[in-house]
Amino acid sequence: MTSSDNPGKKPTGGETAALHDNTISPRDDRRDRGRILREAIPHELHARFEVAEGRPDPVSLVEAGNVGRIQELVPLRHGRMLVSPFTFFRGTAQLMAYDLAAGINTKINVQTCGDAHLLNFGAFATPERNIVFDINDFDETLPAPWEWDLKRLAASFVLAGRDNGVKDKHNRQAAVTLTRAYRHKMAEYSKMAILDIWYDRFDWSKVAEATSDPELQKRLKDRTQKAIKRTIKSYYFPKMTETSGGGIMIKDTPPTIYHLKGDEHSDFKEMTAKALDHYKETLQEDKRRLIDRYRLADVAIKVVGIGSVGTTCGIALMLAPDSEPLILQLKQAKESVLEAFAGRSEFPNHGQRVVNGQRRIQSASDIFLGWTEMEDGKHYYIRQLRDTKVKLEPHLWDGHRLSEIAEVMGAVLARAHARSGDATVLSGYLGEGDTFDEAIGDYAMAYADQAEKDYELFANAVKMGRLEAMIEQDD
């Protein structure tokens, strides 16, 4: 979405979104800076959510967000958003970006996720083949105020809990627990060496073992073992491909995976091949040599997520000698929804913005992570498809489980922010009491209420025929 498609407050003078200045001032001085900021912006102010004057109409914003998308996929996007207020919330990051920018702003920038809801966390394999738990979606990443990520993540817990029929006292408690864990972990990081923060990561087995529910613990262990066994060569390659015309092709499974028709497919494959040549230049030399052993065999459109539905996303089947497969995912990268409010990206290519933001935030990233541009001017980032990923299942969480996973995610988000921000300043602002925790709990409840009102407007627009929605059938 371009700035012109994203109504609301825009930065003046075309400034660039920037991280804090690296500092060599003593730790105590930086902690005092946080304490002074706390006096200027008391914690209690963060509890407020008020609809700002000039707030965009949610339905009009959804319509504006459809501009430039693959139009036949727009009803699918609407259908996925229509499932519940939580799925609507996931598809309207730009609306919350407006609301966050209109509210309290500490103006302490970190490299934010930009769309920090609970389903943008998960477990995956590092290049060393260890399984870690971390943020795993960076389409909207940008330097921006740290509290924006925290508030969006907290609101997502309330909405996910309500989807499950969890009582609001437990939903609010999950938001408070999330924030408390963030504050405690940031205090820990504020006393650590910079390199120790950078090397810190969250082992997935310890996260799974920490759950107090033996049945859920076993389920997580089983799903992890299944993910480890589902390699590209032994599982996804035979599942996702077929032999046709003497060659190996990606198998069509519409509406989520399909080939373009006729010349469109030939043109897209040719553009992809050229884009891959540019992409290779963004990799380390050893990785370039590795990927040069593969050739492009086929490319298809793959529909992913909610907010990304309708943008150009695809999968590229790469084959080495003896038909050894590598499957790459190409995702179109557009302007971050935060840029209209926090400043434009420092990078000329939005795929480059995503990749560099991911590398700043994530404890370990895919060895094939890189960016490119196609001849039509669209920007992309590229990574491996489904490299030992374990997705969360929030539909199974009751109130107690919500708080358990919230505690982990709060700590993970603190680590992500501490890598690019100043943990000592942030810890000084957060303090040792629970006033900030409680304030975010109140904010999460209030914002979830607003998201439900916005969802009702959206659902009514579908009902009245203003928006077309396609509902997918369960497998």
Protein backbone atom coordinates (compact mmCIF):
# COMPACT_ATOMS: atom_id res chain seq x y z
CA MET A 1 0.00 0.00 0.00
CA THR A 2 1.41 3.40 -0.90
CA SER A 3 1.18 6.49 1.28
CA SER A 4 -1.60 7.80 -0.95
CA ASP A 5 -3.58 4.61 -0.23
CA ASN A 6 -3.04 4.93 3.51
CA PRO A 7 -5.03 7.88 4.90
CA GLY A 8 -4.09 9.38 8.22
CA LYS A 9 -1.20 11.22 9.79
CA LYS A 10 1.85 11.43 7.57
CA PRO A 11 5.37 12.48 8.50
CA THR A 12 6.35 15.92 7.29
CA GLY A 13 9.38 16.74 5.17
CA GLY A 14 9.76 13.18 3.82
CA GLU A 15 11.85 12.13 6.79
CA THR A 16 13.29 8.65 7.07
CA ALA A 17 12.27 6.23 9.82
CA ALA A 18 15.39 5.89 11.93
CA LEU A 19 16.64 3.89 14.88
CA HIS A 20 18.03 5.57 17.99
CA ASP A 21 21.54 6.95 17.86
CA ASN A 22 24.07 4.43 19.06
CA THR A 23 25.43 5.78 22.34
CA ILE A 24 28.52 5.31 24.45
CA SER A 25 27.13 7.17 27.45
CA PRO A 26 27.26 5.26 30.76
CA ARG A 27 24.51 2.80 31.55
CA ASP A 28 23.26 4.77 34.57
CA ASP A 29 22.87 7.90 32.44
CA ARG A 30 20.80 6.00 29.90
CA ARG A 31 18.61 4.51 32.64
CA ASP A 32 18.04 8.03 33.97
CA ARG A 33 16.93 9.13 30.50
CA GLY A 34 14.22 6.49 30.68
CA ARG A 35 13.15 7.59 34.14
CA ILE A 36 12.92 11.22 33.05
CA LEU A 37 10.78 10.19 30.08
CA ARG A 38 8.50 8.30 32.48
CA GLU A 39 7.86 11.56 34.34
CA ALA A 40 7.02 13.33 31.08
CA ILE A 41 4.82 10.47 29.76
CA PRO A 42 3.36 8.64 32.78
CA HIS A 43 2.49 4.98 32.34
CA GLU A 44 -1.19 5.61 32.97
CA LEU A 45 -1.48 7.56 29.71
CA HIS A 46 -0.91 4.34 27.76
CA ALA A 47 -4.16 2.91 29.09
CA ARG A 48 -6.21 5.29 26.97
CA PHE A 49 -7.68 4.52 23.60
CA GLU A 50 -9.84 7.16 22.01
CA VAL A 51 -11.07 7.29 18.43
CA ALA A 52 -9.12 10.14 16.87
CA GLU A 53 -10.78 12.84 14.82
CA GLY A 54 -10.50 12.02 11.13
CA ARG A 55 -10.02 8.30 11.73
CA PRO A 56 -10.42 6.42 8.43
CA ASP A 57 -13.63 4.52 7.81
CA PRO A 58 -12.62 0.85 8.20
CA VAL A 59 -14.52 -0.31 5.12
CA SER A 60 -13.12 2.45 2.93
CA LEU A 61 -9.64 1.57 4.19
CA VAL A 62 -10.13 -2.09 3.24
CA GLU A 63 -11.27 -0.98 -0.23
CA ALA A 64 -8.25 1.30 -0.61
CA GLY A 65 -6.02 -1.58 0.43
CA ASN A 66 -7.39 -3.66 -2.46
CA VAL A 67 -5.92 -1.30 -5.05
CA GLY A 68 -3.04 -2.96 -6.88
CA ARG A 69 -3.89 -6.47 -5.66
CA ILE A 70 -4.74 -9.41 -7.92
CA GLN A 71 -8.43 -8.60 -8.18
CA GLU A 72 -9.73 -12.16 -8.48
CA LEU A 73 -8.16 -12.85 -5.06
CA VAL A 74 -9.74 -9.88 -3.28
CA PRO A 75 -12.93 -11.82 -2.35
CA LEU A 76 -10.68 -14.48 -0.79
CA ARG A 77 -8.98 -11.77 1.28
CA HIS A 78 -12.38 -10.54 2.46
CA GLY A 79 -13.51 -14.08 3.23
CA ARG A 80 -10.51 -14.71 5.46
CA MET A 81 -11.04 -11.40 7.27
CA LEU A 82 -14.73 -12.21 7.76
CA VAL A 83 -14.10 -15.29 9.92
CA SER A 84 -13.93 -13.35 13.19
CA PRO A 85 -12.92 -10.00 14.72
CA PHE A 86 -9.44 -11.50 15.26
CA THR A 87 -8.96 -12.35 11.58
CA PHE A 88 -10.27 -8.89 10.65
CA PHE A 89 -7.74 -7.40 13.07
CA ARG A 90 -4.96 -9.42 11.40
CA GLY A 91 -5.93 -8.02 7.99
CA THR A 92 -6.10 -4.36 9.03
CA ALA A 93 -2.65 -3.52 10.38
CA GLN A 94 -2.84 -0.17 8.59
CA LEU A 95 -5.91 0.83 10.61
CA MET A 96 -4.18 0.14 13.92
CA ALA A 97 -1.09 1.96 12.65
CA TYR A 98 -3.25 5.08 12.34
CA ASP A 99 -4.66 4.56 15.83
CA LEU A 100 -1.23 3.99 17.37
CA ALA A 101 0.20 7.10 15.70
CA ALA A 102 -2.73 9.14 16.98
CA GLY A 103 -2.10 8.00 20.58
CA ILE A 104 0.71 8.27 23.11
CA ASN A 105 4.17 8.08 21.55
CA THR A 106 7.40 7.76 23.53
CA LYS A 107 9.39 8.46 20.32
CA ILE A 108 11.94 5.81 21.31
CA ASN A 109 12.42 3.85 18.10
CA VAL A 110 13.42 0.22 17.76
CA GLN A 111 13.22 -2.04 14.73
CA THR A 112 9.57 -3.03 15.13
CA CYS A 113 7.86 -6.07 13.66
CA GLY A 114 5.15 -3.65 12.55
CA ASP A 115 2.43 -6.31 12.73
CA ALA A 116 3.08 -7.98 16.06
CA HIS A 117 0.06 -10.21 16.61
CA LEU A 118 0.36 -13.60 18.27
CA LEU A 119 0.16 -15.62 15.04
CA ASN A 120 3.27 -13.87 13.74
CA PHE A 121 5.31 -15.87 16.26
CA GLY A 122 6.33 -19.49 15.79
CA ALA A 123 9.03 -22.14 15.92
CA PHE A 124 11.45 -22.83 13.09
CA ALA A 125 14.86 -24.33 12.37
CA THR A 126 18.03 -22.24 12.48
CA PRO A 127 20.80 -22.80 9.90
CA GLU A 128 22.39 -25.07 12.53
CA ARG A 129 19.09 -27.04 12.55
CA ASN A 130 18.17 -26.12 16.11
CA ILE A 131 14.51 -25.25 16.71
CA VAL A 132 13.94 -21.76 18.14
CA PHE A 133 10.86 -19.70 18.99
CA ASP A 134 10.76 -16.19 17.56
CA ILE A 135 8.87 -13.61 15.51
CA ASN A 136 8.43 -14.96 12.00
CA ASP A 137 6.68 -12.27 9.93
CA PHE A 138 8.28 -8.97 8.94
CA ASP A 139 6.23 -7.60 6.04
CA GLU A 140 5.60 -4.33 7.93
CA THR A 141 8.93 -4.03 9.79
CA LEU A 142 10.23 -0.49 10.25
CA PRO A 143 12.00 1.62 12.89
CA ALA A 144 9.12 2.94 15.00
CA PRO A 145 8.13 3.44 18.66
CA TRP A 146 8.62 0.21 20.64
CA GLU A 147 5.23 0.40 22.36
CA TRP A 148 3.40 0.07 19.03
CA ASP A 149 4.43 -3.59 18.75
CA LEU A 150 3.55 -4.27 22.36
CA LYS A 151 0.08 -2.74 22.14
CA ARG A 152 -0.79 -4.62 18.95
CA LEU A 153 0.39 -7.90 20.42
CA ALA A 154 -1.56 -7.32 23.64
CA ALA A 155 -4.77 -6.53 21.74
CA SER A 156 -4.34 -9.72 19.68
CA PHE A 157 -4.40 -11.81 22.86
CA VAL A 158 -7.71 -10.29 23.93
CA LEU A 159 -9.29 -10.87 20.52
CA ALA A 160 -7.95 -14.42 20.23
CA GLY A 161 -9.23 -15.20 23.72
CA ARG A 162 -12.67 -13.85 22.89
CA ASP A 163 -12.71 -16.03 19.76
CA ASN A 164 -12.27 -19.01 22.09
CA GLY A 165 -15.00 -17.90 24.47
CA VAL A 166 -12.47 -17.09 27.21
CA LYS A 167 -13.71 -14.69 29.88
CA ASP A 168 -12.41 -11.15 29.62
CA LYS A 169 -10.76 -11.25 33.03
CA HIS A 170 -8.44 -13.94 31.63
CA ASN A 171 -7.96 -12.10 28.33
CA ARG A 172 -6.93 -8.94 30.12
CA GLN A 173 -4.66 -10.96 32.40
CA ALA A 174 -2.90 -12.38 29.32
CA ALA A 175 -2.21 -8.83 28.11
CA VAL A 176 -0.90 -7.86 31.55
CA THR A 177 1.26 -11.00 31.74
CA LEU A 178 2.67 -10.28 28.28
CA THR A 179 3.67 -6.76 29.32
CA ARG A 180 5.11 -7.85 32.65
CA ALA A 181 7.28 -10.44 30.90
CA TYR A 182 8.44 -7.79 28.43
CA ARG A 183 9.33 -5.43 31.29
CA HIS A 184 11.16 -8.09 33.31
CA LYS A 185 13.12 -9.33 30.29
CA MET A 186 14.05 -5.78 29.28
CA ALA A 187 15.36 -5.19 32.82
CA GLU A 188 17.49 -8.31 32.42
CA TYR A 189 18.81 -7.15 29.05
CA SER A 190 19.56 -3.70 30.46
CA LYS A 191 22.32 -5.30 32.57
CA MET A 192 23.73 -7.57 29.86
CA ALA A 193 26.54 -6.98 27.40
CA ILE A 194 25.43 -5.97 23.91
CA LEU A 195 26.83 -9.13 22.30
CA ASP A 196 25.15 -11.35 24.89
CA ILE A 197 21.79 -9.80 23.95
CA TRP A 198 22.53 -10.39 20.26
CA TYR A 199 23.36 -14.06 20.77
CA ASP A 200 20.38 -14.79 23.03
CA ARG A 201 17.65 -16.99 21.61
CA PHE A 202 14.66 -18.98 22.87
CA ASP A 203 14.95 -22.75 22.54
CA TRP A 204 11.61 -24.18 21.38
CA SER A 205 11.91 -27.39 23.39
CA LYS A 206 12.17 -25.37 26.61
CA VAL A 207 9.18 -23.26 25.58
CA ALA A 208 7.12 -26.38 24.88
CA GLU A 209 8.19 -28.05 28.12
CA ALA A 210 7.21 -24.97 30.14
CA THR A 211 3.49 -25.47 29.53
CA SER A 212 1.68 -26.82 32.57
CA ASP A 213 -0.74 -28.93 30.50
CA PRO A 214 0.75 -32.42 29.90
CA GLU A 215 -1.62 -33.08 27.00
CA LEU A 216 -0.68 -29.82 25.26
CA GLN A 217 2.98 -30.45 26.01
CA LYS A 218 2.76 -33.84 24.27
CA ARG A 219 0.90 -32.32 21.32
CA LEU A 220 3.62 -29.69 20.86
CA LYS A 221 6.32 -32.34 21.04
CA ASP A 222 4.53 -34.53 18.48
CA ARG A 223 3.97 -31.62 16.09
CA THR A 224 7.61 -30.61 16.41
CA GLN A 225 8.82 -34.10 15.54
CA LYS A 226 6.43 -34.19 12.58
CA ALA A 227 7.75 -30.82 11.35
CA ILE A 228 11.34 -32.04 11.60
CA LYS A 229 10.52 -35.13 9.53
CA ARG A 230 8.65 -33.14 6.87
CA THR A 231 11.63 -32.11 4.79
CA ILE A 232 11.40 -30.47 1.38
CA LYS A 233 12.84 -33.56 -0.35
CA SER A 234 10.84 -36.27 1.41
CA TYR A 235 7.51 -34.54 2.05
CA TYR A 236 6.81 -31.17 0.40
CA PHE A 237 8.44 -31.95 -2.95
CA PRO A 238 6.34 -35.08 -3.67
CA LYS A 239 3.25 -33.46 -2.14
CA MET A 240 3.44 -30.19 -4.08
CA THR A 241 4.70 -31.35 -7.49
CA GLU A 242 3.73 -33.61 -10.37
CA THR A 243 5.29 -34.86 -13.58
CA SER A 244 3.84 -33.25 -16.71
CA GLY A 245 5.11 -33.25 -20.28
CA GLY A 246 8.29 -35.02 -19.27
CA GLY A 247 9.15 -32.41 -16.64
CA ILE A 248 8.43 -31.74 -12.99
CA MET A 249 5.93 -28.99 -12.20
CA ILE A 250 4.21 -27.46 -9.20
CA LYS A 251 0.82 -29.05 -8.66
CA ASP A 252 -2.19 -26.71 -8.90
CA THR A 253 -4.41 -26.73 -5.80
CA PRO A 254 -6.66 -23.70 -6.40
CA PRO A 255 -7.46 -21.24 -5.04
CA THR A 256 -4.29 -21.23 -2.93
CA ILE A 257 -1.70 -22.52 -5.45
CA TYR A 258 -2.15 -22.10 -9.20
CA HIS A 259 -0.38 -21.24 -12.44
CA LEU A 260 -1.14 -18.17 -14.47
CA LYS A 261 -2.65 -18.91 -17.86
CA GLY A 262 -0.89 -19.02 -21.22
CA ASP A 263 1.48 -16.17 -21.99
CA GLU A 264 1.00 -14.75 -18.50
CA HIS A 265 2.69 -17.82 -17.04
CA SER A 266 5.54 -17.70 -19.55
CA ASP A 267 6.09 -14.00 -18.86
CA PHE A 268 5.96 -14.51 -15.10
CA LYS A 269 8.45 -17.38 -15.27
CA GLU A 270 10.81 -15.32 -17.42
CA MET A 271 10.56 -12.34 -15.05
CA THR A 272 11.14 -14.66 -12.08
CA ALA A 273 14.28 -16.09 -13.66
CA LYS A 274 15.70 -12.61 -14.19
CA ALA A 275 14.69 -11.55 -10.67
CA LEU A 276 16.44 -14.59 -9.22
CA ASP A 277 19.68 -13.48 -10.86
CA HIS A 278 19.42 -10.16 -9.04
CA TYR A 279 18.36 -11.95 -5.83
CA LYS A 280 21.53 -14.04 -5.84
CA GLU A 281 23.59 -10.85 -5.61
CA THR A 282 21.97 -10.10 -2.21
CA LEU A 283 23.21 -13.38 -0.70
CA GLN A 284 26.58 -14.11 0.88
CA GLU A 285 29.14 -15.46 -1.58
CA ASP A 286 28.99 -19.01 -0.24
CA LYS A 287 25.19 -19.03 -0.46
CA ARG A 288 25.39 -17.71 -4.04
CA ARG A 289 27.60 -20.64 -4.93
CA LEU A 290 25.15 -22.99 -3.23
CA ILE A 291 22.07 -21.71 -5.05
CA ASP A 292 23.89 -21.65 -8.38
CA ARG A 293 23.69 -25.44 -8.29
CA TYR A 294 19.92 -25.18 -8.85
CA ARG A 295 17.92 -24.13 -11.89
CA LEU A 296 14.42 -22.71 -12.06
CA ALA A 297 12.01 -25.48 -13.11
CA ASP A 298 8.62 -23.88 -12.45
CA VAL A 299 6.89 -21.00 -10.71
CA ALA A 300 3.30 -20.59 -9.50
CA ILE A 301 1.16 -18.19 -7.52
CA LYS A 302 0.69 -19.10 -3.85
CA VAL A 303 -1.89 -17.32 -1.70
CA VAL A 304 -0.71 -16.76 1.87
CA GLY A 305 -1.93 -15.20 5.09
CA ILE A 306 -4.66 -12.56 5.32
CA GLY A 307 -3.05 -9.18 4.81
CA SER A 308 -0.93 -10.57 1.95
CA VAL A 309 -3.83 -12.07 -0.01
CA GLY A 310 -3.93 -10.46 -3.45
CA THR A 311 -0.36 -9.25 -3.43
CA THR A 312 1.92 -11.16 -5.81
CA CYS A 313 3.26 -14.12 -3.85
CA GLY A 314 4.64 -17.22 -5.47
CA ILE A 315 6.70 -20.34 -5.10
CA ALA A 316 9.66 -21.23 -7.29
CA LEU A 317 10.62 -24.85 -7.78
CA MET A 318 14.40 -25.11 -8.09
CA LEU A 319 16.04 -28.36 -9.15
CA ALA A 320 19.66 -29.47 -8.87
CA PRO A 321 21.10 -32.49 -10.75
CA ASP A 322 19.28 -35.73 -9.94
CA SER A 323 16.12 -33.62 -9.39
CA GLU A 324 17.19 -32.56 -5.90
CA PRO A 325 14.62 -29.90 -4.94
CA LEU A 326 14.72 -26.49 -3.31
CA ILE A 327 11.45 -24.58 -3.03
CA LEU A 328 11.68 -20.83 -2.62
CA GLN A 329 8.86 -18.49 -1.60
CA LEU A 330 8.64 -15.08 -3.27
CA LYS A 331 6.57 -12.46 -1.48
CA GLN A 332 5.81 -9.03 -2.82
CA ALA A 333 6.98 -6.34 -0.42
CA LYS A 334 5.03 -3.09 -0.45
CA GLU A 335 5.44 0.03 1.63
CA SER A 336 5.12 -0.71 5.36
CA VAL A 337 1.83 0.44 6.86
CA LEU A 338 3.93 2.32 9.43
CA GLU A 339 5.71 4.52 6.88
CA ALA A 340 2.85 7.01 6.66
CA PHE A 341 3.32 7.67 10.38
CA ALA A 342 6.92 6.84 11.37
CA GLY A 343 8.75 7.93 8.21
CA ARG A 344 9.82 6.27 4.98
CA SER A 345 12.15 3.29 4.86
CA GLU A 346 15.86 3.93 4.51
CA PHE A 347 16.04 1.22 1.84
CA PRO A 348 15.12 1.79 -1.82
CA ASN A 349 13.71 -1.73 -2.20
CA HIS A 350 10.94 -2.86 0.16
CA GLY A 351 12.17 -6.44 -0.04
CA GLN A 352 15.47 -5.09 1.25
CA ARG A 353 13.55 -3.32 4.04
CA VAL A 354 11.94 -6.61 5.07
CA VAL A 355 15.17 -8.62 4.91
CA ASN A 356 17.26 -6.14 6.86
CA GLY A 357 14.52 -5.65 9.42
CA GLN A 358 14.27 -9.42 9.87
CA ARG A 359 18.01 -9.74 10.32
CA ARG A 360 17.97 -7.01 12.97
CA ILE A 361 15.10 -8.59 14.90
CA GLN A 362 15.33 -12.35 14.49
CA SER A 363 17.80 -14.47 16.45
CA ALA A 364 18.53 -16.64 13.37
CA SER A 365 17.38 -16.19 9.78
CA ASP A 366 17.08 -18.41 6.71
CA ILE A 367 20.32 -18.81 4.75
CA PHE A 368 18.43 -18.10 1.51
CA LEU A 369 16.84 -14.84 2.74
CA GLY A 370 17.33 -12.10 0.15
CA TRP A 371 15.51 -9.54 -1.99
CA THR A 372 14.93 -8.63 -5.62
CA GLU A 373 12.85 -6.59 -8.06
CA MET A 374 10.92 -7.72 -11.13
CA GLU A 375 10.71 -5.94 -14.46
CA ASP A 376 7.22 -4.67 -13.60
CA GLY A 377 8.75 -2.63 -10.75
CA LYS A 378 7.40 -4.79 -7.90
CA HIS A 379 9.71 -5.51 -4.95
CA TYR A 380 10.08 -8.98 -3.41
CA TYR A 381 11.84 -10.82 -0.66
CA ILE A 382 12.71 -14.49 -1.01
CA ARG A 383 13.19 -17.30 1.50
CA GLN A 384 12.84 -21.05 1.75
CA LEU A 385 9.32 -22.46 1.89
CA ARG A 386 8.33 -24.22 5.13
CA ASP A 387 11.74 -24.91 6.61
CA THR A 388 10.80 -26.99 9.69
CA LYS A 389 8.11 -24.61 10.89
CA VAL A 390 5.81 -25.27 13.84
CA LYS A 391 2.71 -23.07 13.82
CA LEU A 392 0.86 -22.15 16.98
CA GLU A 393 -2.74 -23.28 17.57
CA PRO A 394 -4.40 -20.46 19.54
CA HIS A 395 -7.85 -21.95 18.99
CA LEU A 396 -6.87 -24.59 21.61
CA TRP A 397 -5.89 -22.10 24.31
CA ASP A 398 -7.99 -21.46 27.40
CA GLY A 399 -7.36 -18.54 29.77
CA HIS A 400 -4.45 -20.23 31.53
CA ARG A 401 -2.71 -21.20 28.27
CA LEU A 402 -3.16 -17.66 26.96
CA SER A 403 -1.17 -16.28 29.87
CA GLU A 404 1.49 -18.98 29.58
CA ILE A 405 2.26 -18.24 25.94
CA ALA A 406 1.88 -14.49 26.53
CA GLU A 407 4.70 -14.69 29.06
CA VAL A 408 6.97 -16.28 26.47
CA MET A 409 6.03 -13.85 23.70
CA GLY A 410 6.58 -10.86 25.95
CA ALA A 411 10.14 -12.01 26.59
CA VAL A 412 10.72 -12.76 22.88
CA LEU A 413 9.49 -9.30 21.88
CA ALA A 414 11.78 -7.71 24.47
CA ARG A 415 14.75 -9.56 22.96
CA ALA A 416 13.77 -8.43 19.47
CA HIS A 417 13.59 -4.81 20.59
CA ALA A 418 16.75 -4.97 22.68
CA ARG A 419 18.77 -6.07 19.62
CA SER A 420 18.14 -2.77 17.83
CA GLY A 421 17.14 -0.49 20.71
CA ASP A 422 18.63 0.58 24.01
CA ALA A 423 17.43 -1.86 26.66
CA THR A 424 18.69 0.39 29.47
CA VAL A 425 16.64 3.41 28.36
CA LEU A 426 13.57 1.23 27.88
CA SER A 427 14.01 -0.46 31.25
CA GLY A 428 14.41 2.93 32.90
CA TYR A 429 11.10 3.98 31.40
CA LEU A 430 9.28 0.75 32.31
CA GLY A 431 10.47 0.80 35.93
CA GLU A 432 9.97 -1.89 38.54
CA GLY A 433 6.28 -1.51 39.38
CA ASP A 434 3.25 -2.85 37.53
CA THR A 435 1.65 0.43 36.44
CA PHE A 436 2.70 0.00 32.83
CA ASP A 437 1.55 -3.64 32.77
CA GLU A 438 -1.91 -2.67 33.99
CA ALA A 439 -2.11 0.25 31.57
CA ILE A 440 -1.47 -2.01 28.57
CA GLY A 441 -4.05 -4.45 29.92
CA ASP A 442 -6.63 -1.63 29.85
CA TYR A 443 -5.51 -0.51 26.41
CA ALA A 444 -5.77 -4.03 24.98
CA MET A 445 -9.34 -4.39 26.22
CA ALA A 446 -10.38 -1.00 24.86
CA TYR A 447 -8.76 -1.60 21.49
CA ALA A 448 -10.30 -5.06 21.18
CA ASP A 449 -13.70 -3.44 21.74
CA GLN A 450 -12.99 -1.02 18.90
CA ALA A 451 -11.76 -3.81 16.61
CA GLU A 452 -15.04 -5.64 17.16
CA LYS A 453 -16.99 -2.50 16.19
CA ASP A 454 -14.85 -2.13 13.07
CA TYR A 455 -15.45 -5.79 12.25
CA GLU A 456 -19.22 -5.31 12.45
CA LEU A 457 -19.00 -2.46 9.92
CA PHE A 458 -16.94 -4.70 7.65
CA ALA A 459 -19.29 -7.68 8.04
CA ASN A 460 -22.28 -5.46 7.26
CA ALA A 461 -20.56 -4.18 4.11
CA VAL A 462 -20.22 -7.80 2.97
CA LYS A 463 -23.82 -8.56 3.89
CA MET A 464 -25.09 -5.53 1.96
CA GLY A 465 -23.04 -6.46 -1.12
CA ARG A 466 -20.59 -3.56 -0.95
CA LEU A 467 -17.74 -6.06 -0.56
CA GLU A 468 -17.61 -9.54 -2.09
CA ALA A 469 -16.33 -12.36 0.15
CA MET A 470 -15.35 -15.90 -0.79
CA ILE A 471 -15.56 -18.40 2.06
CA GLU A 472 -13.10 -21.28 1.80
CA GLN A 473 -14.29 -24.80 2.46
CA ASP A 474 -12.56 -26.81 5.19
CA ASP A 475 -10.47 -29.71 3.92
